[in-house]
Amino acid sequence: MRWLEHMTPSGMTRRHFLKHTAGASALAASSMAFGHTLQLHANELKRNHKSAIMLWMSGGPSTIDLWDLKPGAATGGPFRPISTSGDVQISEHLPKIAKQMHNMSIIRSMSTREADHDRGRYYMHTGYVPNPSIEHPSYGAVIAHELMAQKSELEIPPFVSVGGASEGPGFLGMSFAPFNVSSDGQIRNLEMAGMNDTRMVQRMKTLDLIEKNFVAQNRGSAAMDHMKVLEKTYQLMTSKQMEAFKVASEPEAVRERYGNTPFGRGCLMARRLVEVGVPFIEVDLGGWDNHQGIFNILETQRLPQMDQAMSALVEDLEQRELLKDTAIIWMGEFGRTPTINGNTGRDHYARAWSVVVGGAGMKGGIAVGATDDEGRAVASEPYSAEDVMASVCKSLGISLETTYQSKSGRPMKIANSGKVIRELFGESA
């Protein structure tokens, strides 16, 4: 929120401004990325606009129990593999996703080094290990930045995080910061301030009168600039595209198909946001840090929610002819140990695990890479966060030659110069 310090008019302190606008500043920061406003409905948008949806499994999912089972091995656990609509097998507790696996592929040879939650989260979101001297932009910021040229009709923020906080925009700036909403469509900044949409609009009108008075008193350019920010915020709050956040307006049968859970509503919202042209949506499903009682938690809680919502999302995107232009990335910060600990849990493990991707021209129904018989080590070419990010960028038509410049003037290549996973595009490795 540093930009507020430079845009608060003379006579109105930063504290006073924050008191009266609450979440408006976050909305304004996002809205500054947009040019003119066009009142268009979702079904009027061109369908060739690319988007990406990240399904973020916060806590570190046990991919050995989901995507890369080891039946009969000491490390295998009680779950059994089942066949799918693709040329892969997955957990028996993901039967609905199994029917959609012709659209998705499993990268089974992920091998990374960050097995700490915070470091792993940062690395998988950015393709860079944490560095105290620089803040790198996350997937959402990078993709939103690169795809905004396609999105002249978009009035709402280009990077939306549903149900949990994402990583930030880094040196790309606050225009590409995540716009945080709950799975019920509540805007978090307004929620914390205890305001609904009507109260926010009323408050914005009042502030508009105050700002006009400041401008009329010749308070300088800062007052005029600040009034423009408020105008952008007001345009955002009154945009018809804000309807995309209102999942309750969907038919009951559709909501039931996704599941009456935060993750289910989040995935449904992601589909609605893709339809209005949002470049990047992240949906959070936490609760994967299962150091004890892992198999009961997976079978009764995590996997049923994930199975219902993720399968409905993939199926819906395909049926609406959106999947060909929408990349899906399923991942957490790392996997979990092949060894089952004394508390019937699995601990952090980054040496050998899986990520799932699909859509936007990426090949579906295959497994890329492999782990050994017990899932302890990668038995083929290893892949990194950078490689996954490079592959997703390729699928979205983003040039891997794109180079940014950090605030210190240092050139930084997109996806940290990761290599494309060629099998995902029908090419030999």
Protein backbone atom coordinates (compact mmCIF):
# COMPACT_ATOMS: atom_id res chain seq x y z
CA MET A 1 0.00 0.00 0.00
CA ARG A 2 3.03 2.28 -0.33
CA TRP A 3 1.48 3.98 -3.34
CA LEU A 4 -1.13 5.54 -1.01
CA GLU A 5 1.56 7.58 0.68
CA HIS A 6 2.13 9.38 -2.60
CA MET A 7 -1.50 9.71 -3.61
CA THR A 8 -3.20 10.96 -0.44
CA PRO A 9 -4.25 14.61 -0.92
CA SER A 10 -2.91 17.37 1.26
CA GLY A 11 -5.07 17.73 4.36
CA MET A 12 -6.18 14.09 4.39
CA THR A 13 -3.81 11.88 6.36
CA ARG A 14 -3.06 8.31 5.36
CA ARG A 15 -4.68 7.11 8.59
CA HIS A 16 -7.81 9.14 7.83
CA PHE A 17 -7.97 7.78 4.30
CA LEU A 18 -7.60 4.16 5.41
CA LYS A 19 -10.29 4.64 8.04
CA HIS A 20 -12.81 5.78 5.47
CA THR A 21 -11.97 3.58 2.52
CA ALA A 22 -11.08 0.27 4.21
CA GLY A 23 -10.69 -2.14 1.28
CA ALA A 24 -11.00 0.42 -1.49
CA SER A 25 -7.26 0.81 -1.83
CA ALA A 26 -6.77 -2.83 -2.74
CA LEU A 27 -9.51 -2.58 -5.31
CA ALA A 28 -8.01 0.59 -6.75
CA ALA A 29 -4.54 -0.94 -6.99
CA SER A 30 -5.98 -3.76 -9.07
CA SER A 31 -8.17 -1.52 -11.18
CA MET A 32 -5.28 0.75 -12.17
CA ALA A 33 -4.15 -1.99 -14.56
CA PHE A 34 -7.14 -1.43 -16.80
CA GLY A 35 -7.86 1.15 -19.48
CA HIS A 36 -11.33 2.03 -20.66
CA THR A 37 -14.45 0.33 -19.30
CA LEU A 38 -16.80 -1.58 -21.58
CA GLN A 39 -20.13 -2.87 -20.32
CA LEU A 40 -20.13 -6.36 -21.79
CA HIS A 41 -21.70 -9.54 -20.53
CA ALA A 42 -19.64 -12.71 -20.11
CA ASN A 43 -21.16 -14.46 -23.10
CA GLU A 44 -20.10 -11.58 -25.35
CA LEU A 45 -16.40 -12.10 -24.69
CA LYS A 46 -14.25 -13.81 -27.26
CA ARG A 47 -13.63 -17.44 -26.40
CA ASN A 48 -10.03 -17.51 -27.66
CA HIS A 49 -8.73 -15.60 -24.65
CA LYS A 50 -6.27 -17.67 -22.65
CA SER A 51 -6.60 -18.21 -18.91
CA ALA A 52 -5.06 -20.37 -16.19
CA ILE A 53 -6.50 -21.92 -13.04
CA MET A 54 -4.21 -23.05 -10.24
CA LEU A 55 -5.68 -25.54 -7.77
CA TRP A 56 -3.39 -24.97 -4.81
CA MET A 57 -3.17 -27.82 -2.28
CA SER A 58 -1.82 -25.97 0.74
CA GLY A 59 0.16 -28.08 3.18
CA GLY A 60 1.86 -30.50 0.81
CA PRO A 61 -0.36 -33.28 -0.61
CA SER A 62 0.65 -36.94 -0.47
CA THR A 63 0.96 -37.54 -4.18
CA ILE A 64 2.10 -41.13 -3.59
CA ASP A 65 -1.46 -41.79 -2.37
CA LEU A 66 -3.16 -39.86 -5.19
CA TRP A 67 -1.29 -39.93 -8.49
CA ASP A 68 1.63 -42.36 -8.17
CA LEU A 69 0.52 -45.31 -6.06
CA LYS A 70 2.87 -48.13 -5.12
CA PRO A 71 0.62 -51.14 -4.40
CA GLY A 72 2.42 -53.98 -2.66
CA ALA A 73 5.41 -51.85 -1.62
CA ALA A 74 6.16 -51.22 2.03
CA THR A 75 5.65 -47.53 1.32
CA GLY A 76 2.41 -48.00 -0.58
CA GLY A 77 -0.27 -47.47 2.04
CA PRO A 78 -3.78 -48.97 1.91
CA PHE A 79 -5.16 -47.23 -1.21
CA ARG A 80 -5.39 -49.06 -4.51
CA PRO A 81 -5.02 -47.72 -8.08
CA ILE A 82 -7.90 -47.64 -10.56
CA SER A 83 -7.99 -47.21 -14.30
CA THR A 84 -8.97 -43.89 -15.82
CA SER A 85 -10.17 -42.41 -19.11
CA GLY A 86 -6.50 -41.77 -19.89
CA ASP A 87 -3.49 -44.06 -20.03
CA VAL A 88 -2.78 -43.70 -16.30
CA GLN A 89 -3.97 -45.11 -13.00
CA ILE A 90 -4.81 -43.00 -9.94
CA SER A 91 -6.24 -43.49 -6.44
CA GLU A 92 -9.46 -45.41 -6.00
CA HIS A 93 -10.74 -42.47 -3.94
CA LEU A 94 -10.75 -40.19 -7.00
CA PRO A 95 -13.35 -41.98 -9.18
CA LYS A 96 -14.85 -38.81 -10.68
CA ILE A 97 -11.47 -37.35 -11.59
CA ALA A 98 -10.60 -40.73 -13.12
CA LYS A 99 -13.31 -40.07 -15.72
CA GLN A 100 -11.64 -36.77 -16.65
CA MET A 101 -8.03 -37.94 -16.85
CA HIS A 102 -8.08 -37.94 -20.66
CA ASN A 103 -7.85 -34.17 -20.18
CA MET A 104 -5.13 -34.15 -17.53
CA SER A 105 -1.55 -35.43 -17.27
CA ILE A 106 0.59 -36.32 -14.28
CA ILE A 107 4.17 -35.14 -14.01
CA ARG A 108 5.47 -37.92 -11.75
CA SER A 109 9.14 -36.98 -11.71
CA MET A 110 9.02 -33.70 -9.82
CA SER A 111 12.21 -33.32 -7.82
CA THR A 112 12.68 -30.14 -5.81
CA ARG A 113 14.69 -29.16 -2.76
CA GLU A 114 12.38 -26.92 -0.73
CA ALA A 115 10.66 -29.05 1.93
CA ASP A 116 9.75 -26.14 4.23
CA HIS A 117 6.18 -24.85 3.86
CA ASP A 118 6.98 -21.18 3.33
CA ARG A 119 10.00 -21.75 1.10
CA GLY A 120 8.26 -24.48 -0.87
CA ARG A 121 5.17 -22.35 -1.36
CA TYR A 122 7.25 -19.42 -2.63
CA TYR A 123 9.32 -21.63 -4.93
CA MET A 124 6.37 -23.44 -6.50
CA HIS A 125 4.53 -20.15 -7.03
CA THR A 126 7.44 -18.25 -8.56
CA GLY A 127 10.04 -20.68 -9.90
CA TYR A 128 12.64 -18.99 -7.67
CA VAL A 129 13.96 -19.86 -4.23
CA PRO A 130 13.37 -17.09 -1.67
CA ASN A 131 15.92 -14.30 -1.75
CA PRO A 132 15.92 -11.55 0.88
CA SER A 133 17.07 -8.96 -1.66
CA ILE A 134 14.29 -9.45 -4.22
CA GLU A 135 10.62 -10.37 -4.31
CA HIS A 136 9.78 -12.40 -7.40
CA PRO A 137 6.37 -12.27 -9.11
CA SER A 138 4.10 -15.27 -8.74
CA TYR A 139 2.40 -17.32 -11.45
CA GLY A 140 -0.72 -15.19 -11.19
CA ALA A 141 1.12 -11.89 -11.58
CA VAL A 142 3.26 -13.13 -14.49
CA ILE A 143 0.36 -14.64 -16.43
CA ALA A 144 -1.93 -11.68 -15.75
CA HIS A 145 0.81 -9.30 -16.87
CA GLU A 146 1.44 -11.20 -20.09
CA LEU A 147 -2.18 -11.87 -21.06
CA MET A 148 -3.69 -8.47 -20.29
CA ALA A 149 -3.13 -7.37 -23.89
CA GLN A 150 -5.88 -9.86 -24.86
CA LYS A 151 -8.26 -8.56 -22.22
CA SER A 152 -9.38 -5.09 -23.28
CA GLU A 153 -12.94 -5.94 -22.19
CA LEU A 154 -11.90 -6.91 -18.67
CA GLU A 155 -13.05 -4.57 -15.91
CA ILE A 156 -12.29 -6.72 -12.86
CA PRO A 157 -8.81 -7.66 -11.57
CA PRO A 158 -6.71 -9.99 -13.75
CA PHE A 159 -5.45 -12.14 -10.84
CA VAL A 160 -8.01 -13.54 -8.41
CA SER A 161 -7.23 -15.72 -5.38
CA VAL A 162 -10.20 -17.67 -4.01
CA GLY A 163 -10.37 -19.06 -0.49
CA GLY A 164 -6.80 -18.30 0.51
CA ALA A 165 -3.96 -15.84 -0.02
CA SER A 166 -1.60 -16.37 -2.93
CA GLU A 167 1.93 -15.11 -3.43
CA GLY A 168 2.35 -11.50 -4.50
CA PRO A 169 3.25 -9.55 -7.64
CA GLY A 170 6.88 -8.89 -6.70
CA PHE A 171 8.57 -6.30 -8.88
CA LEU A 172 5.67 -6.31 -11.38
CA GLY A 173 3.79 -4.00 -9.01
CA MET A 174 0.50 -3.78 -7.18
CA SER A 175 -1.57 -3.66 -10.35
CA PHE A 176 -0.93 -7.41 -10.55
CA ALA A 177 -1.44 -8.28 -6.90
CA PRO A 178 -3.94 -11.05 -6.10
CA PHE A 179 -7.51 -9.90 -5.55
CA ASN A 180 -8.63 -11.98 -2.58
CA VAL A 181 -12.20 -13.25 -2.30
CA SER A 182 -13.90 -15.93 -0.24
CA SER A 183 -15.50 -18.87 -2.01
CA ASP A 184 -18.86 -17.20 -1.38
CA GLY A 185 -17.75 -14.22 -3.43
CA GLN A 186 -17.12 -11.89 -0.49
CA ILE A 187 -14.32 -9.43 -1.15
CA ARG A 188 -11.99 -9.83 1.79
CA ASN A 189 -11.05 -6.18 2.17
CA LEU A 190 -14.71 -5.21 2.42
CA GLU A 191 -15.50 -8.17 4.64
CA MET A 192 -12.91 -7.06 7.20
CA ALA A 193 -14.35 -3.56 7.13
CA GLY A 194 -17.86 -4.90 7.76
CA MET A 195 -19.22 -3.45 4.51
CA ASN A 196 -21.43 -4.87 1.83
CA ASP A 197 -21.49 -3.70 -1.80
CA THR A 198 -24.25 -1.12 -1.18
CA ARG A 199 -22.44 0.50 1.72
CA MET A 200 -19.22 0.54 -0.30
CA VAL A 201 -20.90 2.34 -3.20
CA GLN A 202 -22.48 4.87 -0.83
CA ARG A 203 -19.12 5.51 0.80
CA MET A 204 -17.43 5.90 -2.58
CA LYS A 205 -20.01 8.55 -3.58
CA THR A 206 -19.34 10.44 -0.37
CA LEU A 207 -15.60 10.31 -0.95
CA ASP A 208 -16.13 11.53 -4.49
CA LEU A 209 -17.73 14.71 -3.13
CA ILE A 210 -14.81 15.17 -0.71
CA GLU A 211 -12.29 14.70 -3.49
CA LYS A 212 -14.03 17.21 -5.76
CA ASN A 213 -13.84 19.76 -2.95
CA PHE A 214 -10.10 19.14 -2.62
CA VAL A 215 -9.61 19.59 -6.36
CA ALA A 216 -11.74 22.76 -6.37
CA GLN A 217 -9.49 24.21 -3.66
CA ASN A 218 -6.43 23.81 -5.91
CA ARG A 219 -4.82 21.28 -3.57
CA GLY A 220 -2.39 20.16 -6.23
CA SER A 221 -2.01 17.23 -8.64
CA ALA A 222 -2.12 14.63 -5.86
CA ALA A 223 -5.78 15.38 -5.21
CA MET A 224 -6.63 14.96 -8.89
CA ASP A 225 -4.67 11.69 -9.11
CA HIS A 226 -6.36 10.38 -6.02
CA MET A 227 -9.79 11.20 -7.43
CA LYS A 228 -8.93 9.16 -10.52
CA VAL A 229 -8.08 6.20 -8.30
CA LEU A 230 -11.46 6.47 -6.61
CA GLU A 231 -13.17 6.66 -10.00
CA LYS A 232 -11.45 3.44 -11.06
CA THR A 233 -12.53 1.79 -7.81
CA TYR A 234 -16.11 2.90 -8.32
CA GLN A 235 -16.09 1.55 -11.88
CA LEU A 236 -14.85 -1.76 -10.56
CA MET A 237 -17.49 -2.01 -7.85
CA THR A 238 -20.32 -1.20 -10.28
CA SER A 239 -19.10 -3.45 -13.12
CA LYS A 240 -21.50 -6.11 -14.35
CA GLN A 241 -18.53 -8.47 -14.45
CA MET A 242 -18.57 -8.51 -10.64
CA GLU A 243 -21.52 -10.89 -11.03
CA ALA A 244 -18.95 -13.59 -11.79
CA PHE A 245 -18.15 -13.76 -8.08
CA LYS A 246 -21.76 -14.60 -7.17
CA VAL A 247 -21.76 -18.38 -7.37
CA ALA A 248 -25.09 -18.53 -5.52
CA SER A 249 -26.75 -17.37 -8.73
CA GLU A 250 -25.87 -20.66 -10.42
CA PRO A 251 -28.65 -23.29 -10.66
CA GLU A 252 -28.82 -25.56 -7.63
CA ALA A 253 -28.00 -28.64 -9.72
CA VAL A 254 -24.75 -27.04 -10.88
CA ARG A 255 -23.76 -26.04 -7.34
CA GLU A 256 -24.49 -29.56 -6.10
CA ARG A 257 -22.33 -31.05 -8.86
CA TYR A 258 -19.33 -29.02 -7.68
CA GLY A 259 -20.11 -29.75 -4.03
CA ASN A 260 -21.36 -27.59 -1.19
CA THR A 261 -17.87 -26.93 0.14
CA PRO A 262 -15.58 -23.90 0.00
CA PHE A 263 -13.41 -25.66 -2.57
CA GLY A 264 -16.42 -26.65 -4.64
CA ARG A 265 -17.71 -23.09 -4.71
CA GLY A 266 -14.20 -21.85 -5.44
CA CYS A 267 -13.87 -24.12 -8.49
CA LEU A 268 -17.29 -23.01 -9.72
CA MET A 269 -16.25 -19.39 -9.30
CA ALA A 270 -13.06 -20.13 -11.25
CA ARG A 271 -15.12 -21.34 -14.19
CA ARG A 272 -17.28 -18.19 -14.03
CA LEU A 273 -14.20 -15.96 -13.90
CA VAL A 274 -12.69 -17.69 -16.93
CA GLU A 275 -15.94 -16.99 -18.77
CA VAL A 276 -15.60 -13.24 -18.21
CA GLY A 277 -11.95 -13.28 -19.25
CA VAL A 278 -9.90 -13.26 -16.02
CA PRO A 279 -6.36 -14.43 -16.95
CA PHE A 280 -5.45 -16.17 -13.69
CA ILE A 281 -7.48 -17.69 -10.87
CA GLU A 282 -6.07 -19.57 -7.89
CA VAL A 283 -8.34 -21.75 -5.73
CA ASP A 284 -7.08 -22.97 -2.37
CA LEU A 285 -7.77 -26.32 -0.73
CA GLY A 286 -5.82 -26.59 2.51
CA GLY A 287 -5.42 -29.36 5.04
CA TRP A 288 -2.74 -31.52 3.40
CA ASP A 289 -0.07 -31.32 6.12
CA ASN A 290 -0.90 -34.80 7.37
CA HIS A 291 1.82 -35.88 9.77
CA GLN A 292 -0.62 -38.24 11.47
CA GLY A 293 -3.75 -40.20 10.58
CA ILE A 294 -3.23 -39.45 6.92
CA PHE A 295 -5.26 -42.21 5.33
CA ASN A 296 -8.46 -41.50 7.23
CA ILE A 297 -8.14 -37.76 6.53
CA LEU A 298 -7.58 -38.35 2.83
CA GLU A 299 -10.37 -40.89 2.43
CA THR A 300 -13.07 -39.06 4.40
CA GLN A 301 -12.19 -35.38 3.94
CA ARG A 302 -9.65 -34.16 1.39
CA LEU A 303 -10.18 -36.57 -1.50
CA PRO A 304 -14.01 -36.51 -1.65
CA GLN A 305 -14.01 -32.68 -1.76
CA MET A 306 -11.24 -32.54 -4.32
CA ASP A 307 -12.71 -35.33 -6.46
CA GLN A 308 -16.12 -33.72 -6.78
CA ALA A 309 -15.01 -30.14 -7.38
CA MET A 310 -12.01 -30.71 -9.64
CA SER A 311 -13.84 -33.23 -11.85
CA ALA A 312 -16.81 -30.86 -12.25
CA LEU A 313 -14.48 -28.01 -13.17
CA VAL A 314 -12.61 -29.98 -15.84
CA GLU A 315 -15.84 -31.41 -17.26
CA ASP A 316 -17.54 -28.01 -17.31
CA LEU A 317 -14.62 -26.32 -19.05
CA GLU A 318 -14.52 -29.05 -21.67
CA GLN A 319 -18.27 -28.96 -22.32
CA ARG A 320 -18.23 -25.17 -22.64
CA GLU A 321 -15.27 -25.34 -25.05
CA LEU A 322 -13.11 -23.38 -22.63
CA LEU A 323 -10.61 -26.09 -21.72
CA LYS A 324 -8.69 -25.71 -24.99
CA ASP A 325 -7.76 -22.18 -23.89
CA THR A 326 -7.53 -22.73 -20.13
CA ALA A 327 -4.51 -24.26 -18.40
CA ILE A 328 -5.12 -26.12 -15.14
CA ILE A 329 -2.31 -26.63 -12.64
CA TRP A 330 -2.84 -28.85 -9.58
CA MET A 331 -0.01 -28.76 -7.05
CA GLY A 332 1.16 -28.05 -3.52
CA GLU A 333 4.48 -26.96 -2.09
CA PHE A 334 5.95 -30.52 -2.10
CA GLY A 335 4.94 -34.16 -1.67
CA ARG A 336 5.12 -36.43 1.36
CA THR A 337 7.50 -39.17 2.44
CA PRO A 338 7.20 -42.69 1.07
CA THR A 339 7.90 -43.89 4.62
CA ILE A 340 4.83 -43.95 6.84
CA ASN A 341 5.75 -42.60 10.25
CA GLY A 342 4.80 -43.92 13.69
CA ASN A 343 1.68 -41.73 13.78
CA THR A 344 0.32 -43.22 10.54
CA GLY A 345 1.28 -40.06 8.72
CA ARG A 346 3.70 -38.93 6.08
CA ASP A 347 6.18 -36.09 6.49
CA HIS A 348 7.51 -33.43 4.08
CA TYR A 349 9.24 -34.75 0.96
CA ALA A 350 10.45 -32.80 -2.05
CA ARG A 351 12.76 -35.34 -3.65
CA ALA A 352 10.15 -37.27 -5.67
CA TRP A 353 6.51 -36.26 -6.13
CA SER A 354 3.82 -35.28 -8.63
CA VAL A 355 2.09 -32.27 -10.19
CA VAL A 356 -0.97 -32.50 -12.46
CA VAL A 357 -1.60 -30.23 -15.45
CA GLY A 358 -3.97 -30.07 -18.39
CA GLY A 359 -5.86 -27.90 -20.83
CA ALA A 360 -4.65 -25.09 -23.15
CA GLY A 361 -3.27 -27.55 -25.68
CA MET A 362 -1.32 -29.68 -23.22
CA LYS A 363 -1.63 -33.39 -23.88
CA GLY A 364 -3.96 -35.29 -21.57
CA GLY A 365 -4.15 -38.85 -20.30
CA ILE A 366 -0.43 -39.51 -19.83
CA ALA A 367 2.13 -39.77 -17.07
CA VAL A 368 5.38 -37.94 -17.65
CA GLY A 369 8.38 -39.37 -15.81
CA ALA A 370 8.43 -41.99 -13.09
CA THR A 371 9.62 -42.76 -9.58
CA ASP A 372 11.23 -45.98 -8.36
CA ASP A 373 9.25 -48.95 -7.01
CA GLU A 374 8.91 -47.42 -3.55
CA GLY A 375 8.51 -43.79 -4.60
CA ARG A 376 11.74 -42.75 -2.91
CA ALA A 377 13.55 -41.28 -5.91
CA VAL A 378 12.92 -40.09 -9.44
CA ALA A 379 13.72 -42.82 -11.97
CA SER A 380 13.63 -40.62 -15.08
CA GLU A 381 14.41 -37.04 -16.04
CA PRO A 382 13.61 -34.83 -13.04
CA TYR A 383 11.44 -31.74 -13.41
CA SER A 384 11.35 -28.56 -11.37
CA ALA A 385 8.95 -25.72 -10.57
CA GLU A 386 10.65 -23.72 -13.32
CA ASP A 387 9.93 -26.48 -15.86
CA VAL A 388 6.26 -26.65 -14.94
CA MET A 389 5.96 -22.87 -15.16
CA ALA A 390 7.73 -22.79 -18.53
CA SER A 391 5.36 -25.46 -19.86
CA VAL A 392 2.28 -23.60 -18.66
CA CYS A 393 3.57 -20.39 -20.24
CA LYS A 394 4.11 -22.20 -23.55
CA SER A 395 0.57 -23.58 -23.42
CA LEU A 396 -0.76 -20.03 -23.01
CA GLY A 397 1.28 -18.64 -25.88
CA ILE A 398 3.62 -16.66 -23.61
CA SER A 399 7.13 -16.34 -25.02
CA LEU A 400 9.81 -17.95 -22.90
CA GLU A 401 12.19 -15.28 -24.18
CA THR A 402 10.29 -12.71 -22.14
CA THR A 403 12.70 -10.95 -19.78
CA TYR A 404 11.75 -8.67 -16.90
CA GLN A 405 13.87 -6.16 -15.06
CA SER A 406 13.82 -6.13 -11.29
CA LYS A 407 13.72 -2.88 -9.33
CA SER A 408 17.49 -3.10 -8.98
CA GLY A 409 17.86 -3.30 -12.77
CA ARG A 410 18.67 -6.99 -12.87
CA PRO A 411 17.30 -8.86 -15.95
CA MET A 412 15.18 -11.87 -15.01
CA LYS A 413 13.91 -14.34 -17.57
CA ILE A 414 10.35 -15.57 -17.34
CA ALA A 415 9.90 -18.91 -15.50
CA ASN A 416 13.52 -18.61 -14.33
CA SER A 417 14.69 -20.09 -17.66
CA GLY A 418 12.86 -23.37 -17.03
CA LYS A 419 12.69 -25.98 -19.80
CA VAL A 420 9.46 -27.03 -21.47
CA ILE A 421 8.28 -30.56 -20.62
CA ARG A 422 8.07 -31.68 -24.21
CA GLU A 423 5.91 -34.76 -23.67
CA LEU A 424 3.05 -32.48 -22.64
CA PHE A 425 2.97 -31.15 -26.19
CA GLY A 426 3.31 -34.45 -28.02
CA GLU A 427 6.98 -33.97 -28.60
CA SER A 428 9.73 -36.44 -27.77
CA ALA A 429 11.82 -35.56 -24.73
